[in-house]
Amino acid sequence: MGHLKILMEKTNSSPIKNPGEIITGLFQGKVPVDEVNVSKTSQNFTYKIDIQPPLFLKLSNPHRDAYNHFPEKEFGILTFLHKSGVNVPEPYYFFRVKANKTIYSGYLAEWIEGISLLHLILSTHEISNKILVKILTGIAKEIGALMGKIHNLGITHGDLALRNIMISWEKKVYLVDFDYSMPLPFASRNYDGDLLITDLERALYQKRGLEEKIVEKLTSLIISGYQEERRFLKRLEGRIKVIKAFILA
């Protein structure tokens, strides 16, 4: 990589020393990385940086995100949610860098060691249904509660697919990948169940071939956890009945 210049940076309190050097080393090919998603059609490129502790890097794709908007918006939302006590990766460092004539933006964050809910469900051929049900029922209510917490804080995830729900090796549930997240209008936070439960529908609709009894139990527990966090919603009850009918159809 030729001329390289960091144009802007924001640093949260973190265990990383000299994050600017990590970014410079990354562009110069001196930092070991695993490619997680570098599809040219993606809004962003994502990497695992193989240092100790390992880091997560999200980098804008200048061909899809001409204004380098997504990483900065996501860094801000993650910072707000993490400081509010929500289980999301801890964001450490935001940067904007000019490499030759191309400008990128990105951020470094905590790498969550664990397995996505999608990969857990797809691994059913390796573990018995009985064990899977025990694992899922142990975390399902927590998933619903996390959804409720971010909605209470006025944020919708926007892409809460099963791959974006992580279970750490310490059995904590995390929500990740806030590319399409956005703040909600204040009125929607309190009354508009139709808008808020879009995240819930997306997560629950991806059944991935699970047995009907497992889907039904998972659905009920996620909704239970969500309702406990969202008790003040006035339009929630009727909407949940519609969702359960749709998911379990």
Protein backbone atom coordinates (compact mmCIF):
# COMPACT_ATOMS: atom_id res chain seq x y z
CA MET A 1 0.00 0.00 0.00
CA GLY A 2 1.41 3.40 -0.98
CA HIS A 3 0.47 6.72 0.67
CA LEU A 4 -1.57 6.18 3.83
CA LYS A 5 -3.00 8.80 6.16
CA ILE A 6 -5.44 8.54 9.07
CA LEU A 7 -7.82 11.48 8.62
CA MET A 8 -10.01 11.08 11.70
CA GLU A 9 -10.20 8.94 14.80
CA LYS A 10 -12.36 8.47 17.91
CA THR A 11 -11.23 6.27 20.77
CA ASN A 12 -13.36 4.75 23.52
CA SER A 13 -11.70 3.37 26.64
CA SER A 14 -10.32 -0.01 25.58
CA PRO A 15 -7.53 -2.55 26.13
CA ILE A 16 -6.00 -1.69 22.74
CA LYS A 17 -2.69 0.14 22.74
CA ASN A 18 -1.87 2.27 19.69
CA PRO A 19 -4.95 1.39 17.57
CA GLY A 20 -3.70 3.68 14.81
CA GLU A 21 -0.66 1.44 14.40
CA ILE A 22 -2.94 -1.60 14.02
CA ILE A 23 -4.87 0.14 11.23
CA THR A 24 -1.68 1.25 9.48
CA GLY A 25 -0.26 -2.27 9.78
CA LEU A 26 -3.49 -3.76 8.42
CA PHE A 27 -3.37 -1.67 5.23
CA GLN A 28 0.31 -2.46 4.84
CA GLY A 29 -0.31 -6.20 5.19
CA LYS A 30 1.62 -6.46 8.45
CA VAL A 31 -1.30 -7.48 10.69
CA PRO A 32 -2.68 -11.07 10.45
CA VAL A 33 -6.39 -11.22 9.62
CA ASP A 34 -9.09 -13.77 8.81
CA GLU A 35 -11.56 -12.71 6.14
CA VAL A 36 -15.06 -13.00 7.57
CA ASN A 37 -16.94 -11.22 4.79
CA VAL A 38 -15.18 -9.44 1.93
CA SER A 39 -17.88 -9.79 -0.74
CA LYS A 40 -17.74 -6.94 -3.26
CA THR A 41 -21.54 -6.65 -3.02
CA SER A 42 -21.50 -5.98 0.74
CA GLN A 43 -21.85 -2.52 2.26
CA ASN A 44 -18.85 -3.32 4.44
CA PHE A 45 -15.90 -5.68 4.69
CA THR A 46 -15.48 -7.53 7.99
CA TYR A 47 -12.38 -9.19 9.40
CA LYS A 48 -11.10 -10.93 12.49
CA ILE A 49 -7.72 -9.51 13.50
CA ASP A 50 -5.57 -12.32 14.87
CA ILE A 51 -3.83 -10.65 17.77
CA GLN A 52 -4.38 -11.09 21.50
CA PRO A 53 -7.06 -10.38 22.39
CA PRO A 54 -8.56 -10.89 18.89
CA LEU A 55 -10.41 -7.89 17.43
CA PHE A 56 -13.32 -7.39 15.07
CA LEU A 57 -12.78 -4.94 12.20
CA LYS A 58 -15.49 -3.47 10.01
CA LEU A 59 -14.33 -1.47 6.99
CA SER A 60 -16.49 0.45 4.51
CA ASN A 61 -16.74 -0.78 0.94
CA PRO A 62 -16.11 2.40 -1.11
CA HIS A 63 -17.91 0.89 -4.11
CA ARG A 64 -21.16 0.45 -2.12
CA ASP A 65 -20.84 3.08 0.62
CA ALA A 66 -19.47 6.14 -1.17
CA TYR A 67 -19.85 8.40 1.88
CA ASN A 68 -18.35 5.90 4.35
CA HIS A 69 -21.52 6.26 6.38
CA PHE A 70 -22.29 2.82 7.77
CA PRO A 71 -19.26 2.16 10.04
CA GLU A 72 -19.49 5.57 11.75
CA LYS A 73 -23.23 5.22 12.37
CA GLU A 74 -22.79 1.66 13.65
CA PHE A 75 -19.89 2.67 15.91
CA GLY A 76 -22.07 5.36 17.48
CA ILE A 77 -25.00 3.01 18.06
CA LEU A 78 -22.77 0.27 19.52
CA THR A 79 -21.13 2.81 21.84
CA PHE A 80 -24.54 3.97 23.09
CA LEU A 81 -25.89 0.42 23.57
CA HIS A 82 -22.73 -0.87 25.27
CA LYS A 83 -22.66 2.06 27.70
CA SER A 84 -26.35 1.34 28.40
CA GLY A 85 -25.51 -2.20 29.52
CA VAL A 86 -26.72 -4.13 26.45
CA ASN A 87 -24.79 -7.25 25.38
CA VAL A 88 -23.20 -6.02 22.16
CA PRO A 89 -19.52 -6.12 21.12
CA GLU A 90 -17.61 -3.36 22.88
CA PRO A 91 -16.57 -0.74 20.30
CA TYR A 92 -13.00 0.52 20.75
CA TYR A 93 -11.83 2.75 17.93
CA PHE A 94 -13.33 4.53 14.90
CA PHE A 95 -11.15 5.80 12.07
CA ARG A 96 -11.26 7.34 8.62
CA VAL A 97 -8.21 6.66 6.49
CA LYS A 98 -7.00 7.64 3.03
CA ALA A 99 -5.11 4.89 1.25
CA ASN A 100 -3.69 6.23 -1.99
CA LYS A 101 -6.73 8.06 -3.41
CA THR A 102 -9.45 5.98 -1.74
CA ILE A 103 -11.05 6.94 1.58
CA TYR A 104 -12.28 4.22 3.93
CA SER A 105 -13.93 4.39 7.32
CA GLY A 106 -14.13 1.62 9.87
CA TYR A 107 -13.94 0.61 13.47
CA LEU A 108 -12.29 -1.88 15.79
CA ALA A 109 -14.40 -3.71 18.36
CA GLU A 110 -14.43 -6.70 20.67
CA TRP A 111 -14.42 -10.09 18.94
CA ILE A 112 -17.07 -12.34 20.51
CA GLU A 113 -15.73 -15.86 20.88
CA GLY A 114 -18.66 -18.23 20.43
CA ILE A 115 -21.20 -19.49 17.90
CA SER A 116 -24.06 -17.80 16.06
CA LEU A 117 -27.59 -19.06 16.65
CA LEU A 118 -27.73 -19.95 12.95
CA HIS A 119 -24.67 -22.20 13.14
CA LEU A 120 -25.89 -23.72 16.38
CA ILE A 121 -29.18 -24.74 14.74
CA LEU A 122 -27.44 -25.99 11.58
CA SER A 123 -25.26 -28.23 13.75
CA THR A 124 -28.25 -30.34 14.77
CA HIS A 125 -26.81 -33.29 12.84
CA GLU A 126 -23.90 -33.26 15.30
CA ILE A 127 -25.92 -33.01 18.52
CA SER A 128 -29.19 -34.60 19.57
CA ASN A 129 -32.49 -32.71 19.44
CA LYS A 130 -32.78 -33.13 23.19
CA ILE A 131 -29.51 -31.29 23.78
CA LEU A 132 -30.43 -28.61 21.22
CA VAL A 133 -33.79 -27.97 22.90
CA LYS A 134 -32.05 -27.62 26.26
CA ILE A 135 -29.56 -25.11 24.84
CA LEU A 136 -32.19 -23.09 22.96
CA THR A 137 -34.65 -22.90 25.82
CA GLY A 138 -31.84 -21.78 28.10
CA ILE A 139 -31.09 -18.72 25.94
CA ALA A 140 -34.39 -17.95 24.17
CA LYS A 141 -35.83 -15.73 26.89
CA GLU A 142 -32.57 -13.80 27.06
CA ILE A 143 -32.73 -13.21 23.29
CA GLY A 144 -36.21 -11.71 23.68
CA ALA A 145 -35.08 -9.55 26.59
CA LEU A 146 -32.17 -8.17 24.55
CA MET A 147 -34.53 -7.24 21.73
CA GLY A 148 -36.74 -5.47 24.23
CA LYS A 149 -33.80 -3.59 25.75
CA ILE A 150 -32.59 -2.11 22.47
CA HIS A 151 -36.15 -1.12 21.56
CA ASN A 152 -36.61 0.51 24.96
CA LEU A 153 -33.48 2.54 24.21
CA GLY A 154 -34.99 3.68 20.93
CA ILE A 155 -32.95 1.51 18.55
CA THR A 156 -34.15 -1.07 16.04
CA HIS A 157 -31.60 -3.63 14.81
CA GLY A 158 -32.83 -3.83 11.22
CA ASP A 159 -31.26 -7.20 10.36
CA LEU A 160 -31.79 -9.46 13.35
CA ALA A 161 -31.26 -12.70 11.47
CA LEU A 162 -30.13 -15.84 13.29
CA ARG A 163 -26.52 -15.25 12.18
CA ASN A 164 -26.55 -11.94 14.09
CA ILE A 165 -27.41 -13.52 17.44
CA MET A 166 -24.22 -14.83 19.07
CA ILE A 167 -23.82 -17.14 22.05
CA SER A 168 -20.41 -16.75 23.68
CA TRP A 169 -18.51 -19.70 25.12
CA GLU A 170 -19.48 -18.24 28.52
CA LYS A 171 -23.15 -18.76 27.48
CA LYS A 172 -23.94 -15.06 27.23
CA VAL A 173 -26.17 -13.88 24.36
CA TYR A 174 -24.99 -10.98 22.19
CA LEU A 175 -26.60 -9.05 19.34
CA VAL A 176 -24.12 -8.20 16.57
CA ASP A 177 -23.93 -6.52 13.13
CA PHE A 178 -25.85 -3.26 13.47
CA ASP A 179 -25.30 -2.17 9.83
CA TYR A 180 -28.98 -1.44 9.25
CA SER A 181 -29.89 -0.28 12.74
CA MET A 182 -31.46 3.10 13.28
CA PRO A 183 -32.97 5.29 15.99
CA LEU A 184 -36.74 5.10 16.34
CA PRO A 185 -39.08 8.08 16.63
CA PHE A 186 -39.96 8.64 20.28
CA ALA A 187 -43.66 7.88 19.73
CA SER A 188 -42.78 4.53 18.16
CA ARG A 189 -40.76 3.50 21.20
CA ASN A 190 -43.85 3.70 23.36
CA TYR A 191 -46.81 2.80 21.19
CA ASP A 192 -46.06 1.41 17.74
CA GLY A 193 -45.76 -2.35 18.17
CA ASP A 194 -46.02 -2.90 14.41
CA LEU A 195 -42.69 -1.16 13.76
CA LEU A 196 -40.83 -2.47 16.81
CA ILE A 197 -41.62 -6.14 16.33
CA THR A 198 -40.13 -6.19 12.83
CA ASP A 199 -36.87 -7.35 14.48
CA LEU A 200 -38.75 -10.08 16.34
CA GLU A 201 -40.45 -11.33 13.18
CA ARG A 202 -37.16 -11.53 11.27
CA ALA A 203 -35.44 -13.55 13.98
CA LEU A 204 -38.31 -15.97 14.52
CA TYR A 205 -39.27 -16.50 10.89
CA GLN A 206 -35.95 -18.20 10.03
CA LYS A 207 -36.88 -21.60 11.41
CA ARG A 208 -34.28 -23.46 9.33
CA GLY A 209 -36.08 -26.81 9.39
CA LEU A 210 -36.49 -27.12 13.15
CA GLU A 211 -39.17 -29.42 14.45
CA GLU A 212 -42.51 -27.69 15.05
CA LYS A 213 -42.42 -28.29 18.81
CA ILE A 214 -38.97 -26.69 19.07
CA VAL A 215 -40.07 -23.66 17.03
CA GLU A 216 -43.19 -23.25 19.17
CA LYS A 217 -41.24 -23.40 22.43
CA LEU A 218 -38.52 -21.07 21.12
CA THR A 219 -41.12 -18.58 19.88
CA SER A 220 -43.00 -18.52 23.18
CA LEU A 221 -39.84 -18.03 25.25
CA ILE A 222 -38.44 -15.24 23.05
CA ILE A 223 -41.77 -13.42 23.16
CA SER A 224 -41.96 -13.91 26.93
CA GLY A 225 -38.55 -12.30 27.43
CA TYR A 226 -39.49 -9.49 25.06
CA GLN A 227 -42.78 -8.78 26.82
CA GLU A 228 -41.06 -8.55 30.20
CA GLU A 229 -38.87 -5.74 28.86
CA ARG A 230 -41.67 -4.05 26.89
CA ARG A 231 -44.51 -4.18 29.42
CA PHE A 232 -45.62 -0.61 28.82
CA LEU A 233 -46.42 -1.05 25.12
CA LYS A 234 -50.13 -0.46 24.58
CA ARG A 235 -50.47 -2.21 21.20
CA LEU A 236 -48.24 -5.21 21.82
CA GLU A 237 -50.68 -7.94 22.83
CA GLY A 238 -52.73 -8.06 19.63
CA ARG A 239 -49.65 -7.85 17.44
CA ILE A 240 -47.94 -10.74 19.24
CA LYS A 241 -50.94 -13.00 18.59
CA VAL A 242 -50.62 -12.27 14.87
CA ILE A 243 -46.87 -12.94 14.92
CA LYS A 244 -47.21 -16.27 16.74
CA ALA A 245 -49.83 -17.42 14.24
CA PHE A 246 -47.56 -16.39 11.36
CA ILE A 247 -44.38 -17.98 12.77
CA LEU A 248 -46.03 -21.25 13.70
CA ALA A 249 -48.05 -21.61 10.50
